[in-house]
Amino acid sequence: MAQEFGPALRARRRAAGLSQRTVAARTGLDFTYISKLETGRLPPPAADTIVALCEVLDTAPEDLLALTQKIPSDVRQMVGRSTAAQRFLREAQRMALTEQEWARLLAALHRLREDAPER
């Protein structure tokens, strides 16, 4: 069974050793909002808010974003402006890549940039 956003957020906050009030203060959110997110009384926030929470919690935002099926606005804008990026993602969708294949593709992307001559 897939993990829900609220419990996942709570687990990451606790793992970071932070209180709801501390997370709220560092993100500019109200602590009652954090509480309601963690208990599932509110739906997951916007993608950019999830990224801000993850920055405070020192955790990869992709984990929580994937639970909500949301994409941060900066990523959405970059992909929206690039026909090549859209073709790439459309082909990845057509191929129905597995999580392992996505991870291998990410590693290959890093190698590609490392092997590239200086710009």
N, C-alpha and C. Protein backbone atom coordinates (compact mmCIF):
# COMPACT_ATOMS: atom_id res chain seq x y z
N MET A 1 0.84 -1.19 0.00
CA MET A 1 0.00 0.00 0.00
C MET A 1 0.88 1.25 0.00
N ALA A 2 0.54 2.21 -0.84
CA ALA A 2 1.33 3.43 -0.94
C ALA A 2 1.17 4.28 0.32
N GLN A 3 2.25 4.91 0.71
CA GLN A 3 2.21 5.77 1.88
C GLN A 3 1.48 7.06 1.54
N GLU A 4 0.77 7.60 2.50
CA GLU A 4 0.07 8.86 2.31
C GLU A 4 0.99 10.02 2.66
N PHE A 5 0.65 11.19 2.12
CA PHE A 5 1.49 12.36 2.31
C PHE A 5 1.67 12.75 3.78
N GLY A 6 0.57 12.87 4.51
CA GLY A 6 0.64 13.33 5.91
C GLY A 6 1.58 12.50 6.78
N PRO A 7 1.38 11.19 6.85
CA PRO A 7 2.29 10.37 7.64
C PRO A 7 3.74 10.42 7.15
N ALA A 8 3.91 10.54 5.83
CA ALA A 8 5.27 10.64 5.29
C ALA A 8 5.93 11.94 5.73
N LEU A 9 5.17 13.03 5.71
CA LEU A 9 5.70 14.31 6.17
C LEU A 9 6.06 14.23 7.65
N ARG A 10 5.17 13.66 8.45
CA ARG A 10 5.43 13.54 9.88
C ARG A 10 6.70 12.72 10.13
N ALA A 11 6.85 11.61 9.43
CA ALA A 11 8.02 10.75 9.62
C ALA A 11 9.31 11.50 9.30
N ARG A 12 9.28 12.27 8.23
CA ARG A 12 10.49 13.02 7.85
C ARG A 12 10.78 14.14 8.85
N ARG A 13 9.72 14.78 9.34
CA ARG A 13 9.92 15.83 10.35
C ARG A 13 10.52 15.26 11.62
N ARG A 14 9.97 14.13 12.05
CA ARG A 14 10.50 13.50 13.27
C ARG A 14 11.92 13.01 13.07
N ALA A 15 12.21 12.47 11.89
CA ALA A 15 13.57 12.01 11.60
C ALA A 15 14.56 13.17 11.62
N ALA A 16 14.08 14.35 11.25
CA ALA A 16 14.93 15.55 11.28
C ALA A 16 15.05 16.12 12.68
N GLY A 17 14.25 15.59 13.62
CA GLY A 17 14.30 16.06 15.00
C GLY A 17 13.72 17.45 15.19
N LEU A 18 12.73 17.80 14.36
CA LEU A 18 12.15 19.14 14.43
C LEU A 18 10.69 19.08 14.89
N SER A 19 10.28 20.11 15.60
CA SER A 19 8.88 20.22 16.01
C SER A 19 8.08 20.83 14.87
N GLN A 20 6.78 20.70 14.97
CA GLN A 20 5.91 21.34 13.98
C GLN A 20 6.10 22.85 14.00
N ARG A 21 6.27 23.41 15.18
CA ARG A 21 6.46 24.86 15.29
C ARG A 21 7.76 25.30 14.62
N THR A 22 8.81 24.52 14.76
CA THR A 22 10.09 24.86 14.14
C THR A 22 9.97 24.81 12.62
N VAL A 23 9.36 23.75 12.11
CA VAL A 23 9.16 23.63 10.66
C VAL A 23 8.31 24.79 10.16
N ALA A 24 7.27 25.11 10.89
CA ALA A 24 6.39 26.22 10.50
C ALA A 24 7.16 27.53 10.46
N ALA A 25 7.95 27.79 11.47
CA ALA A 25 8.70 29.04 11.53
C ALA A 25 9.70 29.14 10.39
N ARG A 26 10.36 28.04 10.08
CA ARG A 26 11.38 28.04 9.02
C ARG A 26 10.79 28.11 7.61
N THR A 27 9.54 27.74 7.47
CA THR A 27 8.90 27.78 6.15
C THR A 27 7.94 28.94 5.99
N GLY A 28 7.65 29.64 7.10
CA GLY A 28 6.70 30.73 7.04
C GLY A 28 5.25 30.26 7.03
N LEU A 29 5.04 29.01 7.43
CA LEU A 29 3.69 28.45 7.50
C LEU A 29 3.22 28.45 8.95
N ASP A 30 1.94 28.31 9.16
CA ASP A 30 1.39 28.23 10.50
C ASP A 30 1.55 26.80 11.02
N PHE A 31 1.89 26.64 12.29
CA PHE A 31 2.11 25.29 12.81
C PHE A 31 0.83 24.46 12.79
N THR A 32 -0.33 25.11 12.91
CA THR A 32 -1.57 24.33 12.84
C THR A 32 -1.78 23.77 11.43
N TYR A 33 -1.27 24.47 10.43
CA TYR A 33 -1.33 23.99 9.05
C TYR A 33 -0.47 22.72 8.92
N ILE A 34 0.72 22.75 9.49
CA ILE A 34 1.60 21.57 9.47
C ILE A 34 0.90 20.40 10.14
N SER A 35 0.30 20.66 11.29
CA SER A 35 -0.41 19.61 12.02
C SER A 35 -1.53 19.01 11.18
N LYS A 36 -2.31 19.87 10.54
CA LYS A 36 -3.42 19.38 9.72
C LYS A 36 -2.93 18.60 8.50
N LEU A 37 -1.80 19.00 7.94
CA LEU A 37 -1.22 18.23 6.83
C LEU A 37 -0.82 16.84 7.30
N GLU A 38 -0.14 16.79 8.45
CA GLU A 38 0.36 15.51 8.95
C GLU A 38 -0.76 14.55 9.32
N THR A 39 -1.87 15.08 9.80
CA THR A 39 -2.98 14.21 10.19
C THR A 39 -3.94 13.92 9.04
N GLY A 40 -3.68 14.52 7.89
CA GLY A 40 -4.54 14.28 6.74
C GLY A 40 -5.83 15.06 6.75
N ARG A 41 -5.95 16.02 7.67
CA ARG A 41 -7.17 16.84 7.70
C ARG A 41 -7.20 17.85 6.56
N LEU A 42 -6.04 18.10 5.97
CA LEU A 42 -5.94 18.95 4.78
C LEU A 42 -5.25 18.15 3.68
N PRO A 43 -5.59 18.44 2.42
CA PRO A 43 -4.90 17.76 1.33
C PRO A 43 -3.46 18.25 1.23
N PRO A 44 -2.62 17.52 0.54
CA PRO A 44 -1.23 17.96 0.38
C PRO A 44 -1.17 19.37 -0.22
N PRO A 45 -0.16 20.13 0.16
CA PRO A 45 -0.04 21.50 -0.35
C PRO A 45 0.47 21.53 -1.79
N ALA A 46 0.62 22.72 -2.30
CA ALA A 46 1.18 22.91 -3.64
C ALA A 46 2.61 22.36 -3.69
N ALA A 47 3.03 22.03 -4.88
CA ALA A 47 4.36 21.43 -5.07
C ALA A 47 5.48 22.31 -4.51
N ASP A 48 5.40 23.61 -4.74
CA ASP A 48 6.46 24.50 -4.25
C ASP A 48 6.51 24.54 -2.72
N THR A 49 5.37 24.39 -2.07
CA THR A 49 5.34 24.32 -0.61
C THR A 49 5.97 23.02 -0.14
N ILE A 50 5.72 21.94 -0.85
CA ILE A 50 6.35 20.66 -0.51
C ILE A 50 7.86 20.79 -0.62
N VAL A 51 8.34 21.44 -1.66
CA VAL A 51 9.79 21.64 -1.82
C VAL A 51 10.34 22.45 -0.65
N ALA A 52 9.64 23.50 -0.24
CA ALA A 52 10.09 24.32 0.89
C ALA A 52 10.14 23.50 2.17
N LEU A 53 9.14 22.67 2.40
CA LEU A 53 9.14 21.80 3.59
C LEU A 53 10.33 20.85 3.55
N CYS A 54 10.59 20.28 2.40
CA CYS A 54 11.70 19.32 2.27
C CYS A 54 13.05 19.99 2.48
N GLU A 55 13.17 21.24 2.06
CA GLU A 55 14.43 21.96 2.30
C GLU A 55 14.68 22.10 3.79
N VAL A 56 13.65 22.43 4.55
CA VAL A 56 13.78 22.56 6.00
C VAL A 56 14.08 21.20 6.64
N LEU A 57 13.47 20.15 6.10
CA LEU A 57 13.64 18.81 6.66
C LEU A 57 14.88 18.10 6.12
N ASP A 58 15.60 18.75 5.22
CA ASP A 58 16.81 18.19 4.62
C ASP A 58 16.53 16.80 4.02
N THR A 59 15.47 16.76 3.22
CA THR A 59 15.07 15.51 2.58
C THR A 59 14.79 15.78 1.11
N ALA A 60 14.92 14.76 0.29
CA ALA A 60 14.68 14.91 -1.14
C ALA A 60 13.21 15.20 -1.40
N PRO A 61 12.90 16.29 -2.08
CA PRO A 61 11.50 16.62 -2.32
C PRO A 61 10.79 15.61 -3.23
N GLU A 62 11.54 14.94 -4.08
CA GLU A 62 10.91 14.00 -5.02
C GLU A 62 10.11 12.91 -4.32
N ASP A 63 10.56 12.50 -3.15
CA ASP A 63 9.85 11.45 -2.43
C ASP A 63 8.43 11.89 -2.06
N LEU A 64 8.30 13.09 -1.51
CA LEU A 64 6.98 13.58 -1.14
C LEU A 64 6.19 14.05 -2.35
N LEU A 65 6.88 14.62 -3.33
CA LEU A 65 6.18 15.05 -4.55
C LEU A 65 5.56 13.86 -5.27
N ALA A 66 6.27 12.75 -5.31
CA ALA A 66 5.75 11.57 -5.99
C ALA A 66 4.48 11.05 -5.31
N LEU A 67 4.41 11.19 -3.99
CA LEU A 67 3.20 10.78 -3.27
C LEU A 67 1.98 11.59 -3.69
N THR A 68 2.22 12.83 -4.09
CA THR A 68 1.12 13.73 -4.44
C THR A 68 0.92 13.88 -5.94
N GLN A 69 1.85 13.32 -6.70
CA GLN A 69 1.82 13.43 -8.17
C GLN A 69 1.88 14.88 -8.62
N LYS A 70 2.71 15.68 -7.92
CA LYS A 70 2.86 17.10 -8.25
C LYS A 70 4.27 17.37 -8.73
N ILE A 71 4.40 18.45 -9.50
CA ILE A 71 5.70 18.86 -10.06
C ILE A 71 5.92 20.33 -9.69
N PRO A 72 7.11 20.65 -9.17
CA PRO A 72 7.38 22.05 -8.82
C PRO A 72 7.26 22.98 -10.03
N SER A 73 6.90 24.23 -9.78
CA SER A 73 6.66 25.18 -10.87
C SER A 73 7.90 25.41 -11.72
N ASP A 74 9.10 25.44 -11.11
CA ASP A 74 10.31 25.67 -11.91
C ASP A 74 10.57 24.52 -12.88
N VAL A 75 10.29 23.30 -12.47
CA VAL A 75 10.45 22.14 -13.35
C VAL A 75 9.38 22.18 -14.44
N ARG A 76 8.16 22.45 -14.07
CA ARG A 76 7.06 22.52 -15.04
C ARG A 76 7.33 23.60 -16.08
N GLN A 77 7.84 24.75 -15.67
CA GLN A 77 8.14 25.83 -16.60
C GLN A 77 9.27 25.45 -17.56
N MET A 78 10.32 24.81 -17.03
CA MET A 78 11.44 24.41 -17.88
C MET A 78 10.98 23.40 -18.93
N VAL A 79 10.22 22.42 -18.51
CA VAL A 79 9.73 21.41 -19.45
C VAL A 79 8.76 22.04 -20.44
N GLY A 80 7.94 22.96 -19.96
CA GLY A 80 6.97 23.61 -20.83
C GLY A 80 7.60 24.42 -21.94
N ARG A 81 8.80 24.94 -21.71
CA ARG A 81 9.50 25.75 -22.71
C ARG A 81 10.35 24.93 -23.67
N SER A 82 10.56 23.67 -23.39
CA SER A 82 11.49 22.86 -24.18
C SER A 82 10.76 21.76 -24.96
N THR A 83 10.80 21.87 -26.26
CA THR A 83 10.19 20.81 -27.07
C THR A 83 10.96 19.50 -26.91
N ALA A 84 12.28 19.59 -26.78
CA ALA A 84 13.08 18.37 -26.61
C ALA A 84 12.74 17.68 -25.29
N ALA A 85 12.56 18.46 -24.23
CA ALA A 85 12.21 17.87 -22.93
C ALA A 85 10.84 17.20 -23.01
N GLN A 86 9.91 17.84 -23.69
CA GLN A 86 8.59 17.25 -23.83
C GLN A 86 8.63 15.97 -24.65
N ARG A 87 9.43 15.95 -25.73
CA ARG A 87 9.57 14.73 -26.53
C ARG A 87 10.20 13.62 -25.68
N PHE A 88 11.21 13.99 -24.90
CA PHE A 88 11.89 13.03 -24.04
C PHE A 88 10.91 12.40 -23.04
N LEU A 89 10.13 13.23 -22.37
CA LEU A 89 9.18 12.73 -21.39
C LEU A 89 8.06 11.93 -22.04
N ARG A 90 7.62 12.35 -23.21
CA ARG A 90 6.58 11.60 -23.92
C ARG A 90 7.11 10.21 -24.28
N GLU A 91 8.36 10.13 -24.72
CA GLU A 91 8.95 8.83 -25.07
C GLU A 91 9.13 7.97 -23.82
N ALA A 92 9.56 8.58 -22.73
CA ALA A 92 9.69 7.84 -21.47
C ALA A 92 8.34 7.30 -21.03
N GLN A 93 7.30 8.09 -21.22
CA GLN A 93 5.94 7.63 -20.89
C GLN A 93 5.54 6.47 -21.79
N ARG A 94 5.80 6.60 -23.08
CA ARG A 94 5.45 5.55 -24.02
C ARG A 94 6.15 4.24 -23.67
N MET A 95 7.40 4.35 -23.20
CA MET A 95 8.18 3.17 -22.86
C MET A 95 7.81 2.60 -21.49
N ALA A 96 7.04 3.33 -20.70
CA ALA A 96 6.62 2.90 -19.37
C ALA A 96 7.83 2.47 -18.53
N LEU A 97 8.77 3.41 -18.36
CA LEU A 97 9.99 3.12 -17.62
C LEU A 97 9.68 2.71 -16.18
N THR A 98 10.46 1.77 -15.67
CA THR A 98 10.35 1.37 -14.28
C THR A 98 11.13 2.37 -13.41
N GLU A 99 10.93 2.30 -12.12
CA GLU A 99 11.67 3.17 -11.20
C GLU A 99 13.18 2.93 -11.34
N GLN A 100 13.56 1.68 -11.50
CA GLN A 100 14.98 1.34 -11.68
C GLN A 100 15.52 1.93 -12.99
N GLU A 101 14.74 1.88 -14.05
CA GLU A 101 15.17 2.46 -15.32
C GLU A 101 15.31 3.98 -15.22
N TRP A 102 14.38 4.63 -14.51
CA TRP A 102 14.51 6.07 -14.29
C TRP A 102 15.80 6.39 -13.54
N ALA A 103 16.12 5.58 -12.53
CA ALA A 103 17.35 5.80 -11.75
C ALA A 103 18.59 5.62 -12.63
N ARG A 104 18.57 4.61 -13.49
CA ARG A 104 19.70 4.41 -14.41
C ARG A 104 19.82 5.56 -15.39
N LEU A 105 18.69 6.07 -15.85
CA LEU A 105 18.68 7.20 -16.77
C LEU A 105 19.24 8.44 -16.09
N LEU A 106 18.89 8.65 -14.84
CA LEU A 106 19.42 9.78 -14.09
C LEU A 106 20.94 9.68 -13.95
N ALA A 107 21.43 8.48 -13.64
CA ALA A 107 22.88 8.28 -13.54
C ALA A 107 23.56 8.55 -14.88
N ALA A 108 22.94 8.12 -15.96
CA ALA A 108 23.50 8.37 -17.29
C ALA A 108 23.51 9.87 -17.60
N LEU A 109 22.49 10.58 -17.17
CA LEU A 109 22.43 12.02 -17.37
C LEU A 109 23.60 12.71 -16.66
N HIS A 110 23.88 12.30 -15.44
CA HIS A 110 25.01 12.87 -14.71
C HIS A 110 26.32 12.56 -15.40
N ARG A 111 26.47 11.35 -15.90
CA ARG A 111 27.70 10.98 -16.63
C ARG A 111 27.84 11.81 -17.90
N LEU A 112 26.74 12.05 -18.58
CA LEU A 112 26.75 12.85 -19.80
C LEU A 112 27.27 14.25 -19.52
N ARG A 113 26.81 14.86 -18.44
CA ARG A 113 27.26 16.20 -18.10
C ARG A 113 28.72 16.20 -17.66
N GLU A 114 29.16 15.16 -16.94
CA GLU A 114 30.54 15.07 -16.49
C GLU A 114 31.50 14.91 -17.66
N ASP A 115 31.06 14.20 -18.70
CA ASP A 115 31.91 13.95 -19.86
C ASP A 115 31.90 15.10 -20.86
N ALA A 116 30.98 16.03 -20.69
CA ALA A 116 30.85 17.14 -21.63
C ALA A 116 32.01 18.12 -21.47
N PRO A 117 32.47 18.68 -22.59
CA PRO A 117 33.52 19.70 -22.49
C PRO A 117 32.98 20.95 -21.78
N GLU A 118 33.87 21.72 -21.21
CA GLU A 118 33.47 22.96 -20.53
C GLU A 118 32.69 23.84 -21.49
N ARG A 119 31.70 24.51 -20.97
CA ARG A 119 30.89 25.41 -21.81
C ARG A 119 31.56 26.74 -21.96
